[in-house]
Amino acid sequence: MGALQDRRRLTRLGFFALFVLAPPLDLFRIDLTLGHAILFGQDWTLGLGPFVAGEASALEAGWNLFWRFFLPVFGGAALFLLVAWRWGRLYCGWLCPHFSVVETVNGLMERSIGRPSLWEPKPLPARRADGGLRRSDRRLWPVTLLAAAGFALLWAVVLLTYLLPPATVYGNLVTAELTRNQALFIGVATTLFLIDFLAARHFFCRYGCAVGLFQSLVWLANRRAMVVGFDRARAADCASCNAACDNACPMRLKPRTIKRHMFACTQCAQCITACETVQANNPEGSLLRWVDGECALDVSAHDFGHRPEVPPDCFRADRTAEGPRIVYED
């Protein structure tokens, strides 16, 4: 898999565990029974109680509202979008718990029906990027369904624990004493997530997820942001790879195209890893790598008849993007 993908797998697993355990550990949740949030075990309110009781001035209430709500919400959003502006949808590819399910279900479908998606027009090539054979067995389809259903139920329960006391939710679940509203929430949410995980997970990531959508829009606006670049000068070297990079992309994108066609790229770098594997014996190395700055213009501005001039050394072996220190170097 390579060191880069090993690191990404660890970050995904760690964040998925945080997503599940944050409510029970009182790291973060919004308790509807208490009417306020819990943050690192402490009550997090808007601080308006004293003002309502006539014990604080409007200025004090305004200050509490600013630093307890507006500053963390809008400040956090600004920082999040700043990361997206420079490095793209890193959150999606390296942390997002939904994308972890996307990749897992992709792999299970590939093993059961030979395609990473129900909507894939044809099976993936029989030979993988590493030279091994890709085998599928429809008898594994029930395993795929069971895994998707398990993830859907887990997501439904976890989301409910962000809204109600986790001890109550898990306790009622274990003793089969869920309230009507709890059972209704879990039942409806599980059904919707199951449909998403089986049939619509890629479409949701591309068009339905506000978090991903805003990252993509901000990233597209920055033509010099980090992006997967393709060494066009060596295009002949990839003529016999059987589109290994396309087949590796969990979002079903084509990494050798222009940036706006990679609108939903999650910077997971699986296409880069696949190209590295195929070109392992090529002294010039991979044809795909992360690029940024002037080098990124060949992907972001190479459109509508534009042919931007880019530095000739963008794909030099010792050059990497200025991105976060997760960059491609195995």
C-alpha atoms as a PDB file:
ATOM      1  CA  MET A   1       0.000   0.000   0.000  1.00  0.00           C
ATOM      2  CA  GLY A   2       2.927   2.349   0.655  1.00  0.00           C
ATOM      3  CA  ALA A   3       3.851   4.530   3.608  1.00  0.00           C
ATOM      4  CA  LEU A   4       1.585   7.375   2.510  1.00  0.00           C
ATOM      5  CA  GLN A   5      -1.525   5.192   2.426  1.00  0.00           C
ATOM      6  CA  ASP A   6      -0.529   3.567   5.720  1.00  0.00           C
ATOM      7  CA  ARG A   7      -0.443   7.003   7.345  1.00  0.00           C
ATOM      8  CA  ARG A   8      -3.752   7.938   5.811  1.00  0.00           C
ATOM      9  CA  ARG A   9      -5.344   4.722   7.023  1.00  0.00           C
ATOM     10  CA  LEU A  10      -4.186   5.481  10.583  1.00  0.00           C
ATOM     11  CA  THR A  11      -5.591   9.013  10.516  1.00  0.00           C
ATOM     12  CA  ARG A  12      -8.915   7.711   9.179  1.00  0.00           C
ATOM     13  CA  LEU A  13      -9.157   5.007  11.834  1.00  0.00           C
ATOM     14  CA  GLY A  14      -8.238   7.470  14.566  1.00  0.00           C
ATOM     15  CA  PHE A  15     -10.802  10.035  13.488  1.00  0.00           C
ATOM     16  CA  PHE A  16     -13.506   7.398  13.040  1.00  0.00           C
ATOM     17  CA  ALA A  17     -12.847   6.242  16.603  1.00  0.00           C
ATOM     18  CA  LEU A  18     -13.060   9.875  17.762  1.00  0.00           C
ATOM     19  CA  PHE A  19     -16.353  10.296  15.887  1.00  0.00           C
ATOM     20  CA  VAL A  20     -17.836   7.291  17.711  1.00  0.00           C
ATOM     21  CA  LEU A  21     -16.344   7.929  21.157  1.00  0.00           C
ATOM     22  CA  ALA A  22     -16.636  11.723  21.436  1.00  0.00           C
ATOM     23  CA  PRO A  23     -20.182  11.653  22.921  1.00  0.00           C
ATOM     24  CA  PRO A  24     -19.612   8.861  25.498  1.00  0.00           C
ATOM     25  CA  LEU A  25     -16.376  10.520  26.610  1.00  0.00           C
ATOM     26  CA  ASP A  26     -18.117  13.920  26.765  1.00  0.00           C
ATOM     27  CA  LEU A  27     -15.561  15.414  24.395  1.00  0.00           C
ATOM     28  CA  PHE A  28     -18.312  17.063  22.397  1.00  0.00           C
ATOM     29  CA  ARG A  29     -22.080  16.686  22.108  1.00  0.00           C
ATOM     30  CA  ILE A  30     -25.198  18.830  22.110  1.00  0.00           C
ATOM     31  CA  ASP A  31     -27.464  17.531  24.860  1.00  0.00           C
ATOM     32  CA  LEU A  32     -31.086  18.332  24.029  1.00  0.00           C
ATOM     33  CA  THR A  33     -32.213  17.262  27.487  1.00  0.00           C
ATOM     34  CA  LEU A  34     -29.948  19.869  29.105  1.00  0.00           C
ATOM     35  CA  GLY A  35     -30.419  22.455  26.380  1.00  0.00           C
ATOM     36  CA  HIS A  36     -26.732  23.160  25.823  1.00  0.00           C
ATOM     37  CA  ALA A  37     -23.498  21.645  24.543  1.00  0.00           C
ATOM     38  CA  ILE A  38     -20.928  19.602  26.430  1.00  0.00           C
ATOM     39  CA  LEU A  39     -17.293  20.331  25.546  1.00  0.00           C
ATOM     40  CA  PHE A  40     -14.450  18.354  27.126  1.00  0.00           C
ATOM     41  CA  GLY A  41     -16.680  17.371  30.007  1.00  0.00           C
ATOM     42  CA  GLN A  42     -17.785  20.952  30.768  1.00  0.00           C
ATOM     43  CA  ASP A  43     -21.135  22.630  30.181  1.00  0.00           C
ATOM     44  CA  TRP A  44     -20.868  24.974  27.208  1.00  0.00           C
ATOM     45  CA  THR A  45     -23.695  27.493  27.205  1.00  0.00           C
ATOM     46  CA  LEU A  46     -24.135  30.856  25.512  1.00  0.00           C
ATOM     47  CA  GLY A  47     -23.812  32.576  28.879  1.00  0.00           C
ATOM     48  CA  LEU A  48     -27.121  34.412  28.540  1.00  0.00           C
ATOM     49  CA  GLY A  49     -28.604  33.118  31.801  1.00  0.00           C
ATOM     50  CA  PRO A  50     -27.361  36.010  33.964  1.00  0.00           C
ATOM     51  CA  PHE A  51     -28.643  38.539  31.404  1.00  0.00           C
ATOM     52  CA  VAL A  52     -32.101  36.926  31.338  1.00  0.00           C
ATOM     53  CA  ALA A  53     -32.127  36.966  35.149  1.00  0.00           C
ATOM     54  CA  GLY A  54     -31.218  40.657  35.159  1.00  0.00           C
ATOM     55  CA  GLU A  55     -27.806  39.991  36.707  1.00  0.00           C
ATOM     56  CA  ALA A  56     -25.662  41.030  33.711  1.00  0.00           C
ATOM     57  CA  SER A  57     -25.598  43.891  31.240  1.00  0.00           C
ATOM     58  CA  ALA A  58     -26.325  43.688  27.520  1.00  0.00           C
ATOM     59  CA  LEU A  59     -22.620  44.290  26.863  1.00  0.00           C
ATOM     60  CA  GLU A  60     -21.653  41.253  28.965  1.00  0.00           C
ATOM     61  CA  ALA A  61     -24.293  39.163  27.215  1.00  0.00           C
ATOM     62  CA  GLY A  62     -22.997  40.295  23.819  1.00  0.00           C
ATOM     63  CA  TRP A  63     -19.427  39.416  24.782  1.00  0.00           C
ATOM     64  CA  ASN A  64     -20.491  35.950  25.963  1.00  0.00           C
ATOM     65  CA  LEU A  65     -22.387  35.392  22.730  1.00  0.00           C
ATOM     66  CA  PHE A  66     -19.347  36.465  20.708  1.00  0.00           C
ATOM     67  CA  TRP A  67     -16.688  34.288  22.292  1.00  0.00           C
ATOM     68  CA  ARG A  68     -18.913  31.322  23.133  1.00  0.00           C
ATOM     69  CA  PHE A  69     -20.693  31.077  19.763  1.00  0.00           C
ATOM     70  CA  PHE A  70     -19.578  33.392  16.945  1.00  0.00           C
ATOM     71  CA  LEU A  71     -15.823  33.096  17.533  1.00  0.00           C
ATOM     72  CA  PRO A  72     -15.629  29.265  17.712  1.00  0.00           C
ATOM     73  CA  VAL A  73     -18.193  28.694  14.939  1.00  0.00           C
ATOM     74  CA  PHE A  74     -17.042  31.271  12.397  1.00  0.00           C
ATOM     75  CA  GLY A  75     -13.388  31.127  13.431  1.00  0.00           C
ATOM     76  CA  GLY A  76     -13.375  27.354  13.089  1.00  0.00           C
ATOM     77  CA  ALA A  77     -15.141  27.565   9.726  1.00  0.00           C
ATOM     78  CA  ALA A  78     -12.621  30.146   8.482  1.00  0.00           C
ATOM     79  CA  LEU A  79      -9.672  27.970   9.512  1.00  0.00           C
ATOM     80  CA  PHE A  80     -11.300  24.929   7.911  1.00  0.00           C
ATOM     81  CA  LEU A  81     -11.842  26.761   4.623  1.00  0.00           C
ATOM     82  CA  LEU A  82      -8.321  28.197   4.729  1.00  0.00           C
ATOM     83  CA  VAL A  83      -6.960  24.642   4.783  1.00  0.00           C
ATOM     84  CA  ALA A  84      -9.250  23.778   1.851  1.00  0.00           C
ATOM     85  CA  TRP A  85      -8.098  26.890  -0.043  1.00  0.00           C
ATOM     86  CA  ARG A  86      -4.499  25.728   0.089  1.00  0.00           C
ATOM     87  CA  TRP A  87      -4.717  21.940   0.139  1.00  0.00           C
ATOM     88  CA  GLY A  88      -8.206  20.969  -1.039  1.00  0.00           C
ATOM     89  CA  ARG A  89     -10.496  18.408   0.566  1.00  0.00           C
ATOM     90  CA  LEU A  90      -7.921  17.005   2.991  1.00  0.00           C
ATOM     91  CA  TYR A  91     -10.588  16.546   5.624  1.00  0.00           C
ATOM     92  CA  CYS A  92     -12.584  14.293   3.292  1.00  0.00           C
ATOM     93  CA  GLY A  93      -9.723  12.061   2.243  1.00  0.00           C
ATOM     94  CA  TRP A  94      -7.827  11.880   5.524  1.00  0.00           C
ATOM     95  CA  LEU A  95     -10.406  12.230   8.307  1.00  0.00           C
ATOM     96  CA  CYS A  96     -14.061  12.132   7.258  1.00  0.00           C
ATOM     97  CA  PRO A  97     -15.852   9.103   8.800  1.00  0.00           C
ATOM     98  CA  HIS A  98     -18.302   9.004   5.887  1.00  0.00           C
ATOM     99  CA  PHE A  99     -15.459   8.702   3.383  1.00  0.00           C
ATOM    100  CA  SER A 100     -14.024   5.849   5.471  1.00  0.00           C
ATOM    101  CA  VAL A 101     -17.296   3.994   4.886  1.00  0.00           C
ATOM    102  CA  VAL A 102     -17.191   4.919   1.181  1.00  0.00           C
ATOM    103  CA  GLU A 103     -13.780   3.316   0.746  1.00  0.00           C
ATOM    104  CA  THR A 104     -14.691   0.273   2.826  1.00  0.00           C
ATOM    105  CA  VAL A 105     -17.883  -0.418   0.895  1.00  0.00           C
ATOM    106  CA  ASN A 106     -16.029   0.207  -2.385  1.00  0.00           C
ATOM    107  CA  GLY A 107     -13.575  -2.521  -1.459  1.00  0.00           C
ATOM    108  CA  LEU A 108     -16.295  -4.954  -0.418  1.00  0.00           C
ATOM    109  CA  MET A 109     -18.249  -4.379  -3.639  1.00  0.00           C
ATOM    110  CA  GLU A 110     -15.102  -4.878  -5.667  1.00  0.00           C
ATOM    111  CA  ARG A 111     -14.603  -8.250  -3.992  1.00  0.00           C
ATOM    112  CA  SER A 112     -18.217  -9.306  -4.402  1.00  0.00           C
ATOM    113  CA  ILE A 113     -19.278  -7.978  -7.824  1.00  0.00           C
ATOM    114  CA  GLY A 114     -15.989  -6.838  -9.372  1.00  0.00           C
ATOM    115  CA  ARG A 115     -17.032  -3.164  -9.372  1.00  0.00           C
ATOM    116  CA  PRO A 116     -16.560  -0.499  -6.675  1.00  0.00           C
ATOM    117  CA  SER A 117     -20.052   0.880  -7.321  1.00  0.00           C
ATOM    118  CA  LEU A 118     -23.435  -0.394  -8.443  1.00  0.00           C
ATOM    119  CA  TRP A 119     -23.366   2.250 -11.173  1.00  0.00           C
ATOM    120  CA  GLU A 120     -19.978   1.300 -12.601  1.00  0.00           C
ATOM    121  CA  PRO A 121     -20.576   0.400 -16.282  1.00  0.00           C
ATOM    122  CA  LYS A 122     -18.205  -2.567 -16.323  1.00  0.00           C
ATOM    123  CA  PRO A 123     -15.991  -4.587 -13.956  1.00  0.00           C
ATOM    124  CA  LEU A 124     -12.522  -3.339 -13.119  1.00  0.00           C
ATOM    125  CA  PRO A 125      -9.607  -4.891 -15.062  1.00  0.00           C
ATOM    126  CA  ALA A 126      -8.590  -8.365 -13.958  1.00  0.00           C
ATOM    127  CA  ARG A 127      -5.047  -7.234 -13.150  1.00  0.00           C
ATOM    128  CA  ARG A 128      -4.307  -4.793 -10.348  1.00  0.00           C
ATOM    129  CA  ALA A 129      -1.715  -2.039 -10.390  1.00  0.00           C
ATOM    130  CA  ASP A 130       0.690  -4.256  -8.417  1.00  0.00           C
ATOM    131  CA  GLY A 131       0.362  -7.061 -10.958  1.00  0.00           C
ATOM    132  CA  GLY A 132      -1.866  -9.248  -8.814  1.00  0.00           C
ATOM    133  CA  LEU A 133      -5.150 -10.635 -10.067  1.00  0.00           C
ATOM    134  CA  ARG A 134      -8.429  -9.052  -9.055  1.00  0.00           C
ATOM    135  CA  ARG A 135     -10.970 -11.753  -8.179  1.00  0.00           C
ATOM    136  CA  SER A 136     -14.617 -11.328  -7.281  1.00  0.00           C
ATOM    137  CA  ASP A 137     -17.082 -13.750  -5.750  1.00  0.00           C
ATOM    138  CA  ARG A 138     -20.806 -12.979  -5.658  1.00  0.00           C
ATOM    139  CA  ARG A 139     -21.136 -15.196  -2.609  1.00  0.00           C
ATOM    140  CA  LEU A 140     -19.541 -12.299  -0.714  1.00  0.00           C
ATOM    141  CA  TRP A 141     -22.417  -9.985  -1.616  1.00  0.00           C
ATOM    142  CA  PRO A 142     -24.286 -10.774   1.655  1.00  0.00           C
ATOM    143  CA  VAL A 143     -21.158  -9.716   3.537  1.00  0.00           C
ATOM    144  CA  THR A 144     -21.235  -6.386   1.702  1.00  0.00           C
ATOM    145  CA  LEU A 145     -24.910  -5.890   2.548  1.00  0.00           C
ATOM    146  CA  LEU A 146     -24.323  -6.815   6.178  1.00  0.00           C
ATOM    147  CA  ALA A 147     -21.364  -4.446   6.492  1.00  0.00           C
ATOM    148  CA  ALA A 148     -23.319  -1.569   4.921  1.00  0.00           C
ATOM    149  CA  ALA A 149     -26.246  -2.244   7.260  1.00  0.00           C
ATOM    150  CA  GLY A 150     -23.887  -2.377  10.244  1.00  0.00           C
ATOM    151  CA  PHE A 151     -22.294   0.946   9.330  1.00  0.00           C
ATOM    152  CA  ALA A 152     -25.745   2.471   8.777  1.00  0.00           C
ATOM    153  CA  LEU A 153     -26.944   1.352  12.222  1.00  0.00           C
ATOM    154  CA  LEU A 154     -23.731   2.533  13.863  1.00  0.00           C
ATOM    155  CA  TRP A 155     -24.022   5.953  12.258  1.00  0.00           C
ATOM    156  CA  ALA A 156     -27.664   6.298  13.303  1.00  0.00           C
ATOM    157  CA  VAL A 157     -26.909   5.389  16.920  1.00  0.00           C
ATOM    158  CA  VAL A 158     -23.802   7.569  17.120  1.00  0.00           C
ATOM    159  CA  LEU A 159     -25.629  10.609  15.741  1.00  0.00           C
ATOM    160  CA  LEU A 160     -28.349  10.119  18.329  1.00  0.00           C
ATOM    161  CA  THR A 161     -25.709  10.112  21.096  1.00  0.00           C
ATOM    162  CA  TYR A 162     -24.647  13.573  19.934  1.00  0.00           C
ATOM    163  CA  LEU A 163     -28.166  14.765  20.817  1.00  0.00           C
ATOM    164  CA  LEU A 164     -29.174  12.661  23.838  1.00  0.00           C
ATOM    165  CA  PRO A 165     -27.161  11.328  26.800  1.00  0.00           C
ATOM    166  CA  PRO A 166     -25.054   8.432  25.413  1.00  0.00           C
ATOM    167  CA  ALA A 167     -25.546   6.310  28.537  1.00  0.00           C
ATOM    168  CA  THR A 168     -29.318   6.526  28.043  1.00  0.00           C
ATOM    169  CA  VAL A 169     -29.166   5.686  24.333  1.00  0.00           C
ATOM    170  CA  TYR A 170     -26.790   2.750  24.667  1.00  0.00           C
ATOM    171  CA  GLY A 171     -28.544   1.528  27.808  1.00  0.00           C
ATOM    172  CA  ASN A 172     -31.950   1.543  26.127  1.00  0.00           C
ATOM    173  CA  LEU A 173     -30.467  -0.136  23.067  1.00  0.00           C
ATOM    174  CA  VAL A 174     -28.907  -2.972  25.072  1.00  0.00           C
ATOM    175  CA  THR A 175     -32.064  -3.600  27.078  1.00  0.00           C
ATOM    176  CA  ALA A 176     -34.313  -3.176  24.012  1.00  0.00           C
ATOM    177  CA  GLU A 177     -36.202  -0.377  25.803  1.00  0.00           C
ATOM    178  CA  LEU A 178     -35.811   2.437  23.282  1.00  0.00           C
ATOM    179  CA  THR A 179     -38.451   5.130  23.482  1.00  0.00           C
ATOM    180  CA  ARG A 180     -40.737   5.634  20.511  1.00  0.00           C
ATOM    181  CA  ASN A 181     -38.818   8.709  19.333  1.00  0.00           C
ATOM    182  CA  GLN A 182     -35.452   7.028  19.794  1.00  0.00           C
ATOM    183  CA  ALA A 183     -36.549   3.951  17.844  1.00  0.00           C
ATOM    184  CA  LEU A 184     -38.058   6.131  15.106  1.00  0.00           C
ATOM    185  CA  PHE A 185     -34.866   8.188  14.766  1.00  0.00           C
ATOM    186  CA  ILE A 186     -32.627   5.115  14.622  1.00  0.00           C
ATOM    187  CA  GLY A 187     -34.940   3.286  12.214  1.00  0.00           C
ATOM    188  CA  VAL A 188     -35.305   6.148   9.738  1.00  0.00           C
ATOM    189  CA  ALA A 189     -31.652   7.175   9.936  1.00  0.00           C
ATOM    190  CA  THR A 190     -30.450   3.583   9.459  1.00  0.00           C
ATOM    191  CA  THR A 191     -32.630   3.191   6.374  1.00  0.00           C
ATOM    192  CA  LEU A 192     -31.385   6.446   4.845  1.00  0.00           C
ATOM    193  CA  PHE A 193     -27.749   5.655   5.593  1.00  0.00           C
ATOM    194  CA  LEU A 194     -28.130   2.154   4.149  1.00  0.00           C
ATOM    195  CA  ILE A 195     -29.442   3.620   0.882  1.00  0.00           C
ATOM    196  CA  ASP A 196     -26.588   6.106   0.895  1.00  0.00           C
ATOM    197  CA  PHE A 197     -23.850   3.550   1.614  1.00  0.00           C
ATOM    198  CA  LEU A 198     -25.111   1.071  -0.970  1.00  0.00           C
ATOM    199  CA  ALA A 199     -26.271   3.261  -3.822  1.00  0.00           C
ATOM    200  CA  ALA A 200     -25.553   6.959  -3.364  1.00  0.00           C
ATOM    201  CA  ARG A 201     -22.345   7.361  -1.366  1.00  0.00           C
ATOM    202  CA  HIS A 202     -20.306   8.919  -4.218  1.00  0.00           C
ATOM    203  CA  PHE A 203     -23.145  11.233  -5.232  1.00  0.00           C
ATOM    204  CA  PHE A 204     -23.560  12.345  -1.623  1.00  0.00           C
ATOM    205  CA  CYS A 205     -19.847  13.152  -1.303  1.00  0.00           C
ATOM    206  CA  ARG A 206     -19.878  15.112  -4.561  1.00  0.00           C
ATOM    207  CA  TYR A 207     -23.147  17.018  -4.347  1.00  0.00           C
ATOM    208  CA  GLY A 208     -24.976  16.336  -1.082  1.00  0.00           C
ATOM    209  CA  CYS A 209     -22.388  17.041   1.596  1.00  0.00           C
ATOM    210  CA  ALA A 210     -22.158  20.741   2.449  1.00  0.00           C
ATOM    211  CA  VAL A 211     -18.789  20.230   4.160  1.00  0.00           C
ATOM    212  CA  GLY A 212     -17.310  18.679   1.019  1.00  0.00           C
ATOM    213  CA  LEU A 213     -19.040  21.087  -1.350  1.00  0.00           C
ATOM    214  CA  PHE A 214     -17.694  24.220   0.320  1.00  0.00           C
ATOM    215  CA  GLN A 215     -14.191  22.752   0.439  1.00  0.00           C
ATOM    216  CA  SER A 216     -14.378  22.043  -3.294  1.00  0.00           C
ATOM    217  CA  LEU A 217     -15.640  25.524  -4.185  1.00  0.00           C
ATOM    218  CA  VAL A 218     -12.909  27.224  -2.154  1.00  0.00           C
ATOM    219  CA  TRP A 219     -10.263  24.896  -3.591  1.00  0.00           C
ATOM    220  CA  LEU A 220     -11.376  25.552  -7.178  1.00  0.00           C
ATOM    221  CA  ALA A 221     -11.106  29.301  -6.585  1.00  0.00           C
ATOM    222  CA  ASN A 222      -7.385  28.960  -5.813  1.00  0.00           C
ATOM    223  CA  ARG A 223      -5.638  27.964  -9.038  1.00  0.00           C
ATOM    224  CA  ARG A 224      -2.350  27.476  -7.212  1.00  0.00           C
ATOM    225  CA  ALA A 225      -3.713  25.130  -4.556  1.00  0.00           C
ATOM    226  CA  MET A 226      -2.261  21.652  -4.155  1.00  0.00           C
ATOM    227  CA  VAL A 227      -3.658  19.275  -6.774  1.00  0.00           C
ATOM    228  CA  VAL A 228      -2.798  15.960  -8.386  1.00  0.00           C
ATOM    229  CA  GLY A 229      -0.718  16.810 -11.450  1.00  0.00           C
ATOM    230  CA  PHE A 230      -0.008  14.676 -14.510  1.00  0.00           C
ATOM    231  CA  ASP A 231       3.354  14.757 -16.285  1.00  0.00           C
ATOM    232  CA  ARG A 232       2.008  15.307 -19.808  1.00  0.00           C
ATOM    233  CA  ALA A 233       5.482  15.167 -21.322  1.00  0.00           C
ATOM    234  CA  ARG A 234       5.722  11.480 -20.399  1.00  0.00           C
ATOM    235  CA  ALA A 235       2.159  10.523 -21.300  1.00  0.00           C
ATOM    236  CA  ALA A 236       3.455   7.676 -23.479  1.00  0.00           C
ATOM    237  CA  ASP A 237       4.759   5.923 -20.338  1.00  0.00           C
ATOM    238  CA  CYS A 238       1.226   5.320 -19.094  1.00  0.00           C
ATOM    239  CA  ALA A 239      -0.128   3.868 -22.324  1.00  0.00           C
ATOM    240  CA  SER A 240       0.024   0.295 -21.022  1.00  0.00           C
ATOM    241  CA  CYS A 241      -1.068   0.800 -17.393  1.00  0.00           C
ATOM    242  CA  ASN A 242      -4.720  -0.038 -18.062  1.00  0.00           C
ATOM    243  CA  ALA A 243      -5.852   3.203 -16.371  1.00  0.00           C
ATOM    244  CA  ALA A 244      -4.586   2.080 -12.957  1.00  0.00           C
ATOM    245  CA  CYS A 245      -5.055   5.568 -11.490  1.00  0.00           C
ATOM    246  CA  ASP A 246      -8.668   5.801 -12.664  1.00  0.00           C
ATOM    247  CA  ASN A 247      -9.418   2.366 -11.228  1.00  0.00           C
ATOM    248  CA  ALA A 248      -7.840   3.260  -7.872  1.00  0.00           C
ATOM    249  CA  CYS A 249      -9.828   6.478  -7.312  1.00  0.00           C
ATOM    250  CA  PRO A 250     -12.499   5.844  -4.643  1.00  0.00           C
ATOM    251  CA  MET A 251     -14.527   8.812  -5.923  1.00  0.00           C
ATOM    252  CA  ARG A 252     -14.518   7.384  -9.471  1.00  0.00           C
ATOM    253  CA  LEU A 253     -12.717  10.402 -10.936  1.00  0.00           C
ATOM    254  CA  LYS A 254     -10.126  10.553 -13.701  1.00  0.00           C
ATOM    255  CA  PRO A 255      -6.938  12.008 -12.168  1.00  0.00           C
ATOM    256  CA  ARG A 256      -5.259  12.863 -15.495  1.00  0.00           C
ATOM    257  CA  THR A 257      -7.838  15.483 -16.429  1.00  0.00           C
ATOM    258  CA  ILE A 258      -8.260  19.192 -15.652  1.00  0.00           C
ATOM    259  CA  LYS A 259      -9.019  20.472 -12.168  1.00  0.00           C
ATOM    260  CA  ARG A 260     -12.708  21.328 -12.583  1.00  0.00           C
ATOM    261  CA  HIS A 261     -13.355  17.739 -13.671  1.00  0.00           C
ATOM    262  CA  MET A 262     -11.720  16.661 -10.397  1.00  0.00           C
ATOM    263  CA  PHE A 263     -14.112  18.880  -8.438  1.00  0.00           C
ATOM    264  CA  ALA A 264     -14.705  16.198  -5.787  1.00  0.00           C
ATOM    265  CA  CYS A 265     -11.066  15.073  -5.376  1.00  0.00           C
ATOM    266  CA  THR A 266     -10.432  14.189  -1.727  1.00  0.00           C
ATOM    267  CA  GLN A 267      -6.626  14.287  -1.932  1.00  0.00           C
ATOM    268  CA  CYS A 268      -6.506  10.653  -0.834  1.00  0.00           C
ATOM    269  CA  ALA A 269      -3.589  10.119  -3.279  1.00  0.00           C
ATOM    270  CA  GLN A 270      -4.653   6.586  -4.145  1.00  0.00           C
ATOM    271  CA  CYS A 271      -4.170   7.460  -7.818  1.00  0.00           C
ATOM    272  CA  ILE A 272      -0.611   8.587  -7.012  1.00  0.00           C
ATOM    273  CA  THR A 273       0.067   5.352  -5.143  1.00  0.00           C
ATOM    274  CA  ALA A 274      -1.300   3.294  -8.045  1.00  0.00           C
ATOM    275  CA  CYS A 275       0.871   5.165 -10.544  1.00  0.00           C
ATOM    276  CA  GLU A 276       3.930   4.741  -8.314  1.00  0.00           C
ATOM    277  CA  THR A 277       3.276   1.016  -8.212  1.00  0.00           C
ATOM    278  CA  VAL A 278       2.890   0.690 -11.973  1.00  0.00           C
ATOM    279  CA  GLN A 279       5.982   2.823 -12.630  1.00  0.00           C
ATOM    280  CA  ALA A 280       8.081   1.194  -9.908  1.00  0.00           C
ATOM    281  CA  ASN A 281      10.717   0.078 -12.425  1.00  0.00           C
ATOM    282  CA  ASN A 282      10.707   3.367 -14.324  1.00  0.00           C
ATOM    283  CA  PRO A 283      13.798   5.450 -13.348  1.00  0.00           C
ATOM    284  CA  GLU A 284      11.812   8.638 -13.987  1.00  0.00           C
ATOM    285  CA  GLY A 285       9.211   7.618 -11.412  1.00  0.00           C
ATOM    286  CA  SER A 286       5.492   8.262 -11.213  1.00  0.00           C
ATOM    287  CA  LEU A 287       3.593  10.383 -13.724  1.00  0.00           C
ATOM    288  CA  LEU A 288       1.212  11.589 -11.028  1.00  0.00           C
ATOM    289  CA  ARG A 289       2.138  13.619  -7.968  1.00  0.00           C
ATOM    290  CA  TRP A 290       0.918  16.487  -5.855  1.00  0.00           C
ATOM    291  CA  VAL A 291       1.880  19.871  -7.268  1.00  0.00           C
ATOM    292  CA  ASP A 292       1.096  23.417  -6.203  1.00  0.00           C
ATOM    293  CA  GLY A 293       1.985  27.016  -6.984  1.00  0.00           C
ATOM    294  CA  GLU A 294       2.889  27.667 -10.615  1.00  0.00           C
ATOM    295  CA  CYS A 295       3.045  23.928 -11.286  1.00  0.00           C
ATOM    296  CA  ALA A 296      -0.640  23.579 -10.396  1.00  0.00           C
ATOM    297  CA  LEU A 297      -1.635  25.909 -13.239  1.00  0.00           C
ATOM    298  CA  ASP A 298      -1.168  23.111 -15.758  1.00  0.00           C
ATOM    299  CA  VAL A 299      -4.165  21.409 -14.133  1.00  0.00           C
ATOM    300  CA  SER A 300      -6.241  24.350 -12.901  1.00  0.00           C
ATOM    301  CA  ALA A 301      -5.782  26.773 -15.816  1.00  0.00           C
ATOM    302  CA  HIS A 302      -5.366  24.268 -18.655  1.00  0.00           C
ATOM    303  CA  ASP A 303      -8.925  24.802 -19.832  1.00  0.00           C
ATOM    304  CA  PHE A 304     -11.064  26.732 -22.323  1.00  0.00           C
ATOM    305  CA  GLY A 305      -8.161  26.994 -24.757  1.00  0.00           C
ATOM    306  CA  HIS A 306      -5.652  28.261 -22.150  1.00  0.00           C
ATOM    307  CA  ARG A 307      -2.175  26.766 -22.186  1.00  0.00           C
ATOM    308  CA  PRO A 308      -0.397  28.250 -19.163  1.00  0.00           C
ATOM    309  CA  GLU A 309       3.376  28.244 -18.966  1.00  0.00           C
ATOM    310  CA  VAL A 310       4.580  26.201 -16.027  1.00  0.00           C
ATOM    311  CA  PRO A 311       8.084  25.609 -14.641  1.00  0.00           C
ATOM    312  CA  PRO A 312       9.866  22.827 -16.545  1.00  0.00           C
ATOM    313  CA  ASP A 313      10.922  21.070 -13.339  1.00  0.00           C
ATOM    314  CA  CYS A 314       7.440  20.488 -11.860  1.00  0.00           C
ATOM    315  CA  PHE A 315       7.897  16.727 -12.072  1.00  0.00           C
ATOM    316  CA  ARG A 316      11.536  16.614 -11.129  1.00  0.00           C
ATOM    317  CA  ALA A 317      12.140  13.644  -8.814  1.00  0.00           C
ATOM    318  CA  ASP A 318      13.217  15.771  -5.828  1.00  0.00           C
ATOM    319  CA  ARG A 319      10.370  18.283  -6.076  1.00  0.00           C
ATOM    320  CA  THR A 320       7.154  17.916  -4.049  1.00  0.00           C
ATOM    321  CA  ALA A 321       4.212  20.150  -3.301  1.00  0.00           C
ATOM    322  CA  GLU A 322       4.440  22.615  -0.430  1.00  0.00           C
ATOM    323  CA  GLY A 323       1.444  20.950   1.178  1.00  0.00           C
ATOM    324  CA  PRO A 324       1.179  19.665   4.738  1.00  0.00           C
ATOM    325  CA  ARG A 325       3.781  17.159   5.699  1.00  0.00           C
ATOM    326  CA  ILE A 326       1.714  14.284   4.421  1.00  0.00           C
ATOM    327  CA  VAL A 327       3.153  14.841   0.998  1.00  0.00           C
ATOM    328  CA  TYR A 328       4.111  12.124  -1.373  1.00  0.00           C
ATOM    329  CA  GLU A 329       7.441  10.705  -0.262  1.00  0.00           C
ATOM    330  CA  ASP A 330       7.594   6.987   0.455  1.00  0.00           C
END
